[in-house]
């Protein structure tokens, strides 16, 4: 699967300087000429890309997660996490699915890919995984508590429009499906095992 990185609406220019290397975020700055000829320092964050995986169980239910992480309110979301340096995006999706659910999948479909924030160089890749096979127990990071939460397609749409749903990048598509029967049917087909 050849996955293209989504384009940023404000790319970091080649002449930008990394002024801070953090654990999650690096900070880049550059001088930018304004419309009146003056010059200002612009700044943008950069971080590792993220993969999000919505697994579809053999019975057709979608496997969500109930998660807790330090310093955050509990939330409902998908399996997923950061793409490691040098790691292929699809390989990261496979790894995160296995670590956070114990499943491997025979088929991955890229549902969505976007850079959700103008001031952060960061892509989020959302996959649908089918052909699941349970192969391991969960292998969680020390800062994760995850309980698997299988839901029907209709429950998925309803939960995806709630405040505690973590995958905000796709919420607009779930809202469209909730209120537009044609969009709902298109989405149902995307998640269908048929």
N, C-alpha and C. Protein backbone atom coordinates (compact mmCIF):
# COMPACT_ATOMS: atom_id res chain seq x y z
N UNK A 1 0.85 -1.17 0.00
CA UNK A 1 0.00 0.00 0.00
C UNK A 1 0.89 1.24 0.00
N UNK A 2 0.74 2.07 -1.01
CA UNK A 2 1.52 3.31 -1.10
C UNK A 2 0.71 4.43 -0.46
N UNK A 3 1.17 4.94 0.66
CA UNK A 3 0.43 5.96 1.40
C UNK A 3 1.16 7.29 1.30
N UNK A 4 0.48 8.26 0.72
CA UNK A 4 1.07 9.60 0.59
C UNK A 4 0.81 10.41 1.85
N UNK A 5 1.80 11.19 2.24
CA UNK A 5 1.65 12.08 3.39
C UNK A 5 0.77 13.25 2.98
N UNK A 6 -0.27 13.57 3.76
CA UNK A 6 -1.10 14.73 3.45
C UNK A 6 -0.28 16.01 3.48
N UNK A 7 -0.63 16.94 2.62
CA UNK A 7 0.09 18.21 2.56
C UNK A 7 -0.36 19.13 3.69
N UNK A 8 0.59 19.84 4.24
CA UNK A 8 0.30 20.84 5.26
C UNK A 8 -0.20 22.11 4.59
N UNK A 9 -1.12 22.80 5.27
CA UNK A 9 -1.59 24.09 4.73
C UNK A 9 -0.55 25.18 4.95
N UNK A 10 0.41 24.94 5.83
CA UNK A 10 1.51 25.88 6.05
C UNK A 10 2.77 25.07 6.32
N UNK A 11 3.43 24.60 5.25
CA UNK A 11 4.61 23.75 5.44
C UNK A 11 5.75 24.50 6.14
N UNK A 12 6.55 23.73 6.86
CA UNK A 12 7.75 24.31 7.45
C UNK A 12 8.75 24.51 6.32
N UNK A 13 9.22 25.75 6.10
CA UNK A 13 10.16 25.98 5.01
C UNK A 13 11.51 25.29 5.26
N UNK A 14 12.22 25.01 4.19
CA UNK A 14 13.52 24.33 4.30
C UNK A 14 14.51 25.14 5.13
N UNK A 15 14.41 26.48 5.11
CA UNK A 15 15.37 27.31 5.84
C UNK A 15 14.99 27.49 7.32
N UNK A 16 13.87 26.89 7.76
CA UNK A 16 13.48 27.00 9.18
C UNK A 16 14.51 26.30 10.05
N UNK A 17 14.68 26.80 11.26
CA UNK A 17 15.62 26.22 12.21
C UNK A 17 14.87 25.56 13.36
N UNK A 18 15.34 24.38 13.73
CA UNK A 18 14.79 23.70 14.90
C UNK A 18 15.40 24.37 16.13
N UNK A 19 14.56 25.05 16.91
CA UNK A 19 15.06 25.78 18.08
C UNK A 19 14.83 25.01 19.38
N UNK A 20 14.07 23.91 19.31
CA UNK A 20 13.85 23.08 20.50
C UNK A 20 13.48 21.67 20.07
N UNK A 21 14.16 20.69 20.64
CA UNK A 21 13.84 19.28 20.42
C UNK A 21 13.21 18.76 21.70
N UNK A 22 11.93 18.43 21.65
CA UNK A 22 11.23 17.94 22.83
C UNK A 22 10.98 16.45 22.77
N UNK A 23 10.30 15.94 23.78
CA UNK A 23 9.95 14.52 23.85
C UNK A 23 8.91 14.19 22.78
N UNK A 24 7.91 15.05 22.64
CA UNK A 24 6.86 14.84 21.64
C UNK A 24 6.97 15.88 20.52
N UNK A 25 7.21 17.13 20.87
CA UNK A 25 7.20 18.22 19.89
C UNK A 25 8.59 18.82 19.69
N UNK A 26 8.91 19.12 18.44
CA UNK A 26 10.05 19.96 18.09
C UNK A 26 9.49 21.30 17.65
N UNK A 27 10.23 22.37 17.92
CA UNK A 27 9.77 23.72 17.56
C UNK A 27 10.68 24.28 16.47
N UNK A 28 10.05 24.71 15.38
CA UNK A 28 10.77 25.31 14.26
C UNK A 28 10.39 26.78 14.14
N UNK A 29 11.39 27.63 13.81
CA UNK A 29 11.16 29.06 13.61
C UNK A 29 11.82 29.50 12.31
N UNK A 30 11.22 30.53 11.70
CA UNK A 30 11.80 31.14 10.50
C UNK A 30 11.30 32.56 10.37
N UNK A 31 12.09 33.35 9.63
CA UNK A 31 11.70 34.72 9.35
C UNK A 31 10.78 34.72 8.13
N UNK A 32 9.65 35.40 8.25
CA UNK A 32 8.66 35.43 7.18
C UNK A 32 8.33 36.87 6.82
N UNK A 33 8.51 37.19 5.53
CA UNK A 33 8.17 38.54 5.08
C UNK A 33 6.65 38.70 5.06
N UNK A 34 6.19 39.85 5.56
CA UNK A 34 4.77 40.16 5.60
C UNK A 34 4.36 40.93 4.34
N UNK A 35 3.08 41.14 4.18
CA UNK A 35 2.57 41.82 2.98
C UNK A 35 3.07 43.26 2.88
N UNK A 36 3.36 43.89 4.02
CA UNK A 36 3.83 45.28 3.98
C UNK A 36 5.36 45.39 3.89
N UNK A 37 6.05 44.24 3.73
CA UNK A 37 7.50 44.24 3.62
C UNK A 37 8.22 44.02 4.94
N UNK A 38 7.52 44.13 6.06
CA UNK A 38 8.15 43.88 7.35
C UNK A 38 8.40 42.37 7.49
N UNK A 39 9.21 42.00 8.49
CA UNK A 39 9.56 40.60 8.70
C UNK A 39 9.17 40.21 10.13
N UNK A 40 8.56 39.04 10.27
CA UNK A 40 8.18 38.50 11.58
C UNK A 40 8.73 37.08 11.71
N UNK A 41 8.94 36.66 12.93
CA UNK A 41 9.33 35.28 13.20
C UNK A 41 8.08 34.43 13.26
N UNK A 42 8.04 33.40 12.40
CA UNK A 42 6.96 32.43 12.41
C UNK A 42 7.46 31.19 13.15
N UNK A 43 6.50 30.40 13.67
CA UNK A 43 6.85 29.24 14.47
C UNK A 43 5.84 28.13 14.20
N UNK A 44 6.36 26.91 14.19
CA UNK A 44 5.48 25.76 13.99
C UNK A 44 6.05 24.57 14.74
N UNK A 45 5.16 23.75 15.28
CA UNK A 45 5.55 22.52 15.95
C UNK A 45 5.62 21.37 14.95
N UNK A 46 6.41 20.37 15.28
CA UNK A 46 6.48 19.15 14.48
C UNK A 46 6.47 17.98 15.45
N UNK A 47 5.74 16.95 15.09
CA UNK A 47 5.70 15.75 15.93
C UNK A 47 5.57 14.52 15.06
N UNK A 48 5.71 13.35 15.68
CA UNK A 48 5.55 12.09 14.95
C UNK A 48 4.11 11.97 14.45
N UNK A 49 3.97 11.36 13.29
CA UNK A 49 2.64 11.09 12.76
C UNK A 49 1.93 10.06 13.65
N UNK A 50 0.62 9.96 13.46
CA UNK A 50 -0.21 9.07 14.26
C UNK A 50 -1.02 8.15 13.36
N UNK A 51 -1.20 6.92 13.80
CA UNK A 51 -2.11 5.99 13.13
C UNK A 51 -3.29 5.70 14.06
N UNK A 52 -4.45 5.57 13.46
CA UNK A 52 -5.69 5.24 14.15
C UNK A 52 -6.27 4.04 13.41
N UNK A 53 -6.66 2.99 14.16
CA UNK A 53 -7.16 1.78 13.51
C UNK A 53 -8.51 1.40 14.12
N UNK A 54 -9.51 1.27 13.24
CA UNK A 54 -10.83 0.77 13.64
C UNK A 54 -10.96 -0.66 13.14
N UNK A 55 -10.78 -1.65 14.03
CA UNK A 55 -10.89 -3.05 13.64
C UNK A 55 -12.36 -3.48 13.56
N UNK A 56 -12.67 -4.30 12.56
CA UNK A 56 -14.02 -4.85 12.42
C UNK A 56 -13.93 -6.34 12.76
N UNK A 57 -14.63 -6.73 13.82
CA UNK A 57 -14.61 -8.12 14.30
C UNK A 57 -15.33 -9.04 13.31
N UNK A 58 -15.08 -10.36 13.38
CA UNK A 58 -15.74 -11.29 12.46
C UNK A 58 -17.27 -11.24 12.52
N UNK A 59 -17.84 -10.80 13.66
CA UNK A 59 -19.30 -10.70 13.77
C UNK A 59 -19.83 -9.35 13.26
N UNK A 60 -18.92 -8.49 12.72
CA UNK A 60 -19.34 -7.22 12.15
C UNK A 60 -19.29 -6.04 13.11
N UNK A 61 -19.08 -6.31 14.41
CA UNK A 61 -18.97 -5.20 15.35
C UNK A 61 -17.62 -4.50 15.18
N UNK A 62 -17.60 -3.24 15.54
CA UNK A 62 -16.39 -2.43 15.45
C UNK A 62 -15.75 -2.41 16.83
N UNK A 63 -14.47 -2.69 16.89
CA UNK A 63 -13.77 -2.79 18.16
C UNK A 63 -13.21 -1.43 18.55
N UNK A 64 -13.89 -0.78 19.49
CA UNK A 64 -13.39 0.47 20.05
C UNK A 64 -12.64 0.15 21.34
N UNK A 65 -12.11 1.18 21.96
CA UNK A 65 -11.41 1.02 23.24
C UNK A 65 -11.94 2.04 24.23
N UNK A 66 -11.96 1.64 25.49
CA UNK A 66 -12.17 2.58 26.61
C UNK A 66 -10.79 2.75 27.20
N UNK A 67 -10.30 4.02 27.24
CA UNK A 67 -8.91 4.24 27.64
C UNK A 67 -8.80 5.25 28.78
N UNK A 68 -7.74 5.04 29.54
CA UNK A 68 -7.29 6.01 30.55
C UNK A 68 -5.81 6.23 30.33
N UNK A 69 -5.41 7.50 30.42
CA UNK A 69 -3.99 7.86 30.35
C UNK A 69 -3.74 8.94 31.40
N UNK A 70 -2.55 8.96 31.98
CA UNK A 70 -2.27 9.93 33.04
C UNK A 70 -2.56 11.37 32.59
N UNK A 71 -3.24 12.10 33.47
CA UNK A 71 -3.50 13.52 33.21
C UNK A 71 -4.65 13.78 32.26
N UNK A 72 -5.37 12.74 31.84
CA UNK A 72 -6.48 12.90 30.91
C UNK A 72 -7.74 12.29 31.50
N UNK A 73 -8.88 12.83 31.08
CA UNK A 73 -10.16 12.21 31.42
C UNK A 73 -10.27 10.90 30.62
N UNK A 74 -10.95 9.88 31.15
CA UNK A 74 -11.16 8.66 30.37
C UNK A 74 -11.87 8.98 29.05
N UNK A 75 -11.55 8.20 28.02
CA UNK A 75 -12.13 8.46 26.70
C UNK A 75 -12.40 7.17 25.96
N UNK A 76 -13.19 7.30 24.90
CA UNK A 76 -13.46 6.19 23.99
C UNK A 76 -12.77 6.51 22.68
N UNK A 77 -12.11 5.52 22.09
CA UNK A 77 -11.42 5.77 20.84
C UNK A 77 -11.10 4.48 20.11
N UNK A 78 -10.17 4.58 19.22
CA UNK A 78 -9.71 3.44 18.42
C UNK A 78 -8.38 2.95 18.99
N UNK A 79 -7.89 1.87 18.42
CA UNK A 79 -6.51 1.49 18.70
C UNK A 79 -5.63 2.43 17.87
N UNK A 80 -4.42 2.66 18.31
CA UNK A 80 -3.53 3.52 17.54
C UNK A 80 -2.48 4.18 18.39
N UNK A 81 -1.64 4.95 17.73
CA UNK A 81 -0.57 5.65 18.43
C UNK A 81 0.42 6.24 17.45
N UNK A 82 1.58 6.59 17.96
CA UNK A 82 2.61 7.24 17.15
C UNK A 82 3.29 6.29 16.18
N UNK A 83 3.67 6.86 15.05
CA UNK A 83 4.53 6.15 14.09
C UNK A 83 5.96 6.37 14.58
N UNK A 84 6.67 5.28 14.81
CA UNK A 84 8.05 5.39 15.28
C UNK A 84 8.96 5.93 14.18
N UNK A 85 10.07 6.60 14.53
CA UNK A 85 11.00 7.10 13.52
C UNK A 85 11.46 5.98 12.58
N UNK A 86 11.36 6.23 11.28
CA UNK A 86 11.78 5.25 10.28
C UNK A 86 10.76 4.15 10.01
N UNK A 87 9.65 4.14 10.74
CA UNK A 87 8.65 3.10 10.59
C UNK A 87 7.66 3.46 9.47
N UNK A 88 7.30 2.47 8.68
CA UNK A 88 6.29 2.64 7.64
C UNK A 88 4.92 2.84 8.32
N UNK A 89 4.09 3.68 7.71
CA UNK A 89 2.78 4.00 8.30
C UNK A 89 1.92 2.76 8.48
N UNK A 90 1.84 1.92 7.47
CA UNK A 90 1.03 0.70 7.58
C UNK A 90 1.60 -0.25 8.64
N UNK A 91 2.92 -0.35 8.70
CA UNK A 91 3.54 -1.19 9.74
C UNK A 91 3.20 -0.67 11.13
N UNK A 92 3.15 0.65 11.28
CA UNK A 92 2.77 1.24 12.58
C UNK A 92 1.33 0.89 12.92
N UNK A 93 0.44 0.93 11.93
CA UNK A 93 -0.96 0.57 12.16
C UNK A 93 -1.07 -0.88 12.60
N UNK A 94 -0.32 -1.77 11.95
CA UNK A 94 -0.33 -3.20 12.32
C UNK A 94 0.19 -3.39 13.73
N UNK A 95 1.29 -2.70 14.06
CA UNK A 95 1.89 -2.83 15.39
C UNK A 95 0.94 -2.33 16.47
N UNK A 96 0.37 -1.14 16.26
CA UNK A 96 -0.53 -0.57 17.27
C UNK A 96 -1.78 -1.42 17.45
N UNK A 97 -2.32 -1.96 16.36
CA UNK A 97 -3.49 -2.84 16.46
C UNK A 97 -3.16 -4.04 17.34
N UNK A 98 -2.03 -4.67 17.07
CA UNK A 98 -1.65 -5.86 17.84
C UNK A 98 -1.38 -5.51 19.31
N UNK A 99 -0.64 -4.41 19.55
CA UNK A 99 -0.31 -4.04 20.94
C UNK A 99 -1.56 -3.71 21.75
N UNK A 100 -2.50 -2.97 21.15
CA UNK A 100 -3.63 -2.45 21.93
C UNK A 100 -4.88 -3.32 21.87
N UNK A 101 -4.88 -4.36 21.00
CA UNK A 101 -6.05 -5.23 20.95
C UNK A 101 -5.71 -6.71 20.97
N UNK A 102 -4.47 -7.04 20.61
CA UNK A 102 -4.08 -8.45 20.51
C UNK A 102 -4.47 -9.08 19.18
N UNK A 103 -5.00 -8.28 18.26
CA UNK A 103 -5.43 -8.80 16.95
C UNK A 103 -4.44 -8.44 15.86
N UNK A 104 -4.40 -9.32 14.85
CA UNK A 104 -3.78 -9.01 13.57
C UNK A 104 -4.90 -8.99 12.54
N UNK A 105 -4.70 -8.26 11.44
CA UNK A 105 -5.73 -8.14 10.42
C UNK A 105 -5.17 -8.57 9.07
N UNK A 106 -6.02 -9.17 8.26
CA UNK A 106 -5.63 -9.58 6.92
C UNK A 106 -5.79 -8.47 5.90
N UNK A 107 -6.55 -7.42 6.26
CA UNK A 107 -6.83 -6.34 5.31
C UNK A 107 -6.87 -5.00 6.05
N UNK A 108 -6.15 -4.04 5.50
CA UNK A 108 -6.19 -2.67 6.02
C UNK A 108 -6.64 -1.75 4.89
N UNK A 109 -7.61 -0.90 5.18
CA UNK A 109 -8.07 0.11 4.23
C UNK A 109 -7.80 1.48 4.83
N UNK A 110 -7.12 2.33 4.07
CA UNK A 110 -6.91 3.70 4.53
C UNK A 110 -8.21 4.46 4.34
N UNK A 111 -8.84 4.87 5.44
CA UNK A 111 -10.11 5.58 5.40
C UNK A 111 -9.89 7.08 5.24
N UNK A 112 -8.90 7.62 5.95
CA UNK A 112 -8.70 9.07 5.96
C UNK A 112 -7.23 9.36 6.30
N UNK A 113 -6.72 10.43 5.74
CA UNK A 113 -5.37 10.91 6.08
C UNK A 113 -5.42 12.43 6.00
N UNK A 114 -4.98 13.09 7.06
CA UNK A 114 -5.03 14.54 7.08
C UNK A 114 -4.03 15.11 8.07
N UNK A 115 -3.71 16.37 7.89
CA UNK A 115 -2.97 17.13 8.89
C UNK A 115 -4.00 18.03 9.57
N UNK A 116 -4.41 17.68 10.79
CA UNK A 116 -5.54 18.36 11.41
C UNK A 116 -5.26 19.76 11.96
N UNK A 117 -4.01 20.14 12.10
CA UNK A 117 -3.71 21.45 12.70
C UNK A 117 -2.72 22.21 11.82
N UNK A 118 -3.03 23.45 11.54
CA UNK A 118 -2.17 24.27 10.69
C UNK A 118 -0.80 24.52 11.33
N UNK A 119 -0.76 24.74 12.61
CA UNK A 119 0.49 25.10 13.29
C UNK A 119 1.27 23.90 13.83
N UNK A 120 0.86 22.69 13.42
CA UNK A 120 1.60 21.49 13.81
C UNK A 120 1.82 20.64 12.56
N UNK A 121 3.06 20.31 12.26
CA UNK A 121 3.39 19.39 11.18
C UNK A 121 3.17 17.99 11.74
N UNK A 122 1.99 17.39 11.39
CA UNK A 122 1.57 16.14 12.02
C UNK A 122 0.44 15.54 11.20
N UNK A 123 0.64 14.34 10.71
CA UNK A 123 -0.39 13.66 9.93
C UNK A 123 -1.04 12.57 10.77
N UNK A 124 -2.35 12.42 10.58
CA UNK A 124 -3.12 11.37 11.23
C UNK A 124 -3.69 10.49 10.12
N UNK A 125 -3.35 9.19 10.18
CA UNK A 125 -3.79 8.22 9.19
C UNK A 125 -4.81 7.30 9.87
N UNK A 126 -6.02 7.23 9.32
CA UNK A 126 -7.09 6.42 9.91
C UNK A 126 -7.38 5.23 9.02
N UNK A 127 -7.26 4.03 9.60
CA UNK A 127 -7.45 2.78 8.88
C UNK A 127 -8.66 2.02 9.40
N UNK A 128 -9.22 1.20 8.53
CA UNK A 128 -10.21 0.19 8.91
C UNK A 128 -9.52 -1.16 8.69
N UNK A 129 -9.57 -2.01 9.72
CA UNK A 129 -8.90 -3.32 9.65
C UNK A 129 -9.95 -4.43 9.67
N UNK A 130 -9.81 -5.37 8.73
CA UNK A 130 -10.74 -6.50 8.63
C UNK A 130 -9.93 -7.80 8.55
N UNK A 131 -10.65 -8.91 8.67
CA UNK A 131 -9.98 -10.22 8.65
C UNK A 131 -9.18 -10.41 9.92
N UNK A 132 -9.81 -10.11 11.05
CA UNK A 132 -9.10 -10.13 12.33
C UNK A 132 -8.87 -11.55 12.85
N UNK A 133 -7.73 -11.70 13.51
CA UNK A 133 -7.39 -12.95 14.17
C UNK A 133 -6.70 -12.60 15.48
N UNK A 134 -7.23 -13.14 16.57
CA UNK A 134 -6.64 -12.89 17.89
C UNK A 134 -5.34 -13.69 18.00
N UNK A 135 -4.22 -12.97 18.26
CA UNK A 135 -2.93 -13.64 18.28
C UNK A 135 -2.13 -13.41 19.57
N UNK A 136 -2.58 -12.45 20.38
CA UNK A 136 -1.78 -12.11 21.58
C UNK A 136 -2.65 -11.41 22.61
N UNK A 137 -2.10 -11.28 23.80
CA UNK A 137 -2.72 -10.44 24.81
C UNK A 137 -2.32 -8.99 24.53
N UNK A 138 -3.01 -8.06 25.16
CA UNK A 138 -2.66 -6.65 25.00
C UNK A 138 -1.25 -6.42 25.53
N UNK A 139 -0.50 -5.54 24.87
CA UNK A 139 0.87 -5.21 25.25
C UNK A 139 0.94 -3.69 25.37
N UNK A 140 0.52 -3.18 26.53
CA UNK A 140 0.31 -1.75 26.69
C UNK A 140 1.53 -1.02 27.26
N UNK A 141 1.62 0.27 26.91
CA UNK A 141 2.62 1.14 27.52
C UNK A 141 2.25 1.35 28.99
N UNK A 142 3.23 1.75 29.80
CA UNK A 142 2.99 1.96 31.23
C UNK A 142 1.95 3.05 31.48
N UNK A 143 1.76 3.95 30.54
CA UNK A 143 0.81 5.05 30.70
C UNK A 143 -0.53 4.80 30.03
N UNK A 144 -0.87 3.53 29.82
CA UNK A 144 -2.14 3.21 29.17
C UNK A 144 -2.92 2.19 29.99
N UNK A 145 -4.21 2.42 30.11
CA UNK A 145 -5.17 1.41 30.57
C UNK A 145 -6.20 1.32 29.47
N UNK A 146 -6.33 0.14 28.88
CA UNK A 146 -7.23 -0.03 27.75
C UNK A 146 -8.13 -1.24 27.98
N UNK A 147 -9.44 -1.01 27.80
CA UNK A 147 -10.41 -2.10 27.79
C UNK A 147 -11.04 -2.12 26.41
N UNK A 148 -11.12 -3.31 25.82
CA UNK A 148 -11.72 -3.44 24.49
C UNK A 148 -13.23 -3.28 24.61
N UNK A 149 -13.81 -2.61 23.61
CA UNK A 149 -15.22 -2.21 23.67
C UNK A 149 -15.87 -2.41 22.31
N UNK A 150 -16.36 -3.65 22.02
CA UNK A 150 -16.99 -3.90 20.74
C UNK A 150 -18.37 -3.24 20.68
N UNK A 151 -18.67 -2.60 19.55
CA UNK A 151 -19.95 -1.91 19.38
C UNK A 151 -20.51 -2.19 17.98
N UNK A 152 -21.83 -2.02 17.85
CA UNK A 152 -22.45 -2.14 16.54
C UNK A 152 -22.12 -0.89 15.72
N UNK A 153 -22.39 -0.97 14.44
CA UNK A 153 -22.15 0.17 13.56
C UNK A 153 -22.93 1.40 14.03
N UNK A 154 -24.20 1.22 14.37
CA UNK A 154 -25.02 2.35 14.84
C UNK A 154 -24.50 2.92 16.16
N UNK A 155 -24.04 2.06 17.06
CA UNK A 155 -23.45 2.53 18.32
C UNK A 155 -22.17 3.31 18.04
N UNK A 156 -21.39 2.84 17.07
CA UNK A 156 -20.16 3.54 16.68
C UNK A 156 -20.46 4.97 16.23
N UNK A 157 -21.44 5.11 15.37
CA UNK A 157 -21.80 6.46 14.90
C UNK A 157 -22.25 7.33 16.07
N UNK A 158 -23.05 6.79 16.94
CA UNK A 158 -23.54 7.57 18.09
C UNK A 158 -22.39 7.96 19.03
N UNK A 159 -21.53 6.99 19.36
CA UNK A 159 -20.40 7.28 20.26
C UNK A 159 -19.42 8.26 19.62
N UNK A 160 -19.26 8.18 18.31
CA UNK A 160 -18.32 9.04 17.60
C UNK A 160 -18.70 10.50 17.56
N UNK A 161 -19.92 10.79 17.98
CA UNK A 161 -20.36 12.19 18.02
C UNK A 161 -20.38 12.74 19.45
N UNK A 162 -19.90 11.95 20.39
CA UNK A 162 -19.88 12.37 21.80
C UNK A 162 -18.58 13.10 22.14
N UNK A 163 -18.62 13.89 23.18
CA UNK A 163 -17.48 14.71 23.60
C UNK A 163 -16.27 13.86 23.98
N UNK A 164 -16.49 12.68 24.59
CA UNK A 164 -15.35 11.87 25.06
C UNK A 164 -14.80 10.93 23.99
N UNK A 165 -15.23 11.12 22.73
CA UNK A 165 -14.68 10.33 21.62
C UNK A 165 -13.38 10.99 21.19
N UNK A 166 -12.29 10.24 21.20
CA UNK A 166 -10.96 10.81 21.02
C UNK A 166 -10.60 11.12 19.57
N UNK A 167 -11.17 10.42 18.64
CA UNK A 167 -10.72 10.53 17.24
C UNK A 167 -11.42 11.67 16.52
N UNK A 168 -11.13 12.88 16.93
CA UNK A 168 -11.82 14.09 16.43
C UNK A 168 -11.63 14.29 14.92
N UNK A 169 -10.57 13.73 14.34
CA UNK A 169 -10.31 13.93 12.92
C UNK A 169 -11.42 13.34 12.04
N UNK A 170 -12.15 12.33 12.55
CA UNK A 170 -13.19 11.71 11.73
C UNK A 170 -14.59 12.01 12.24
N UNK A 171 -14.72 12.80 13.29
CA UNK A 171 -16.03 13.08 13.87
C UNK A 171 -16.98 13.69 12.84
N UNK A 172 -16.49 14.58 12.00
CA UNK A 172 -17.38 15.21 11.01
C UNK A 172 -18.01 14.17 10.08
N UNK A 173 -17.27 13.10 9.76
CA UNK A 173 -17.82 12.06 8.88
C UNK A 173 -18.89 11.25 9.60
N UNK A 174 -18.72 11.08 10.91
CA UNK A 174 -19.72 10.35 11.69
C UNK A 174 -20.97 11.19 11.89
N UNK A 175 -20.80 12.49 12.05
CA UNK A 175 -21.96 13.38 12.16
C UNK A 175 -22.73 13.38 10.84
N UNK A 176 -22.01 13.47 9.71
CA UNK A 176 -22.68 13.40 8.40
C UNK A 176 -23.47 12.10 8.29
N UNK A 177 -22.88 10.98 8.67
CA UNK A 177 -23.55 9.68 8.58
C UNK A 177 -24.77 9.62 9.50
N UNK A 178 -24.68 10.27 10.64
CA UNK A 178 -25.79 10.25 11.60
C UNK A 178 -27.02 10.94 11.02
N UNK A 179 -26.81 12.00 10.24
CA UNK A 179 -27.94 12.81 9.77
C UNK A 179 -28.24 12.69 8.27
N UNK A 180 -27.39 12.01 7.52
CA UNK A 180 -27.60 11.87 6.08
C UNK A 180 -27.64 10.37 5.75
N UNK A 181 -28.82 9.84 5.39
CA UNK A 181 -28.94 8.40 5.12
C UNK A 181 -27.99 7.89 4.03
N UNK A 182 -27.73 8.69 3.01
CA UNK A 182 -26.80 8.26 1.96
C UNK A 182 -25.38 8.13 2.49
N UNK A 183 -24.94 9.11 3.30
CA UNK A 183 -23.60 9.05 3.89
C UNK A 183 -23.50 7.86 4.85
N UNK A 184 -24.58 7.61 5.57
CA UNK A 184 -24.58 6.48 6.51
C UNK A 184 -24.43 5.17 5.76
N UNK A 185 -25.13 5.02 4.64
CA UNK A 185 -25.04 3.79 3.86
C UNK A 185 -23.64 3.63 3.26
N UNK A 186 -23.05 4.72 2.77
CA UNK A 186 -21.68 4.66 2.25
C UNK A 186 -20.71 4.19 3.32
N UNK A 187 -20.86 4.75 4.52
CA UNK A 187 -19.98 4.38 5.63
C UNK A 187 -20.21 2.94 6.07
N UNK A 188 -21.49 2.54 6.10
CA UNK A 188 -21.80 1.15 6.47
C UNK A 188 -21.11 0.17 5.52
N UNK A 189 -21.12 0.49 4.21
CA UNK A 189 -20.47 -0.37 3.23
C UNK A 189 -18.95 -0.43 3.46
N UNK A 190 -18.37 0.70 3.84
CA UNK A 190 -16.93 0.75 4.09
C UNK A 190 -16.54 -0.17 5.24
N UNK A 191 -17.40 -0.26 6.26
CA UNK A 191 -17.13 -1.09 7.42
C UNK A 191 -17.68 -2.51 7.29
N UNK A 192 -18.43 -2.78 6.25
CA UNK A 192 -19.06 -4.09 6.06
C UNK A 192 -18.01 -5.16 5.75
N UNK A 193 -18.28 -6.36 6.19
CA UNK A 193 -17.40 -7.49 5.90
C UNK A 193 -17.75 -8.16 4.57
N UNK A 194 -18.83 -7.74 3.95
CA UNK A 194 -19.27 -8.34 2.66
C UNK A 194 -18.43 -7.85 1.52
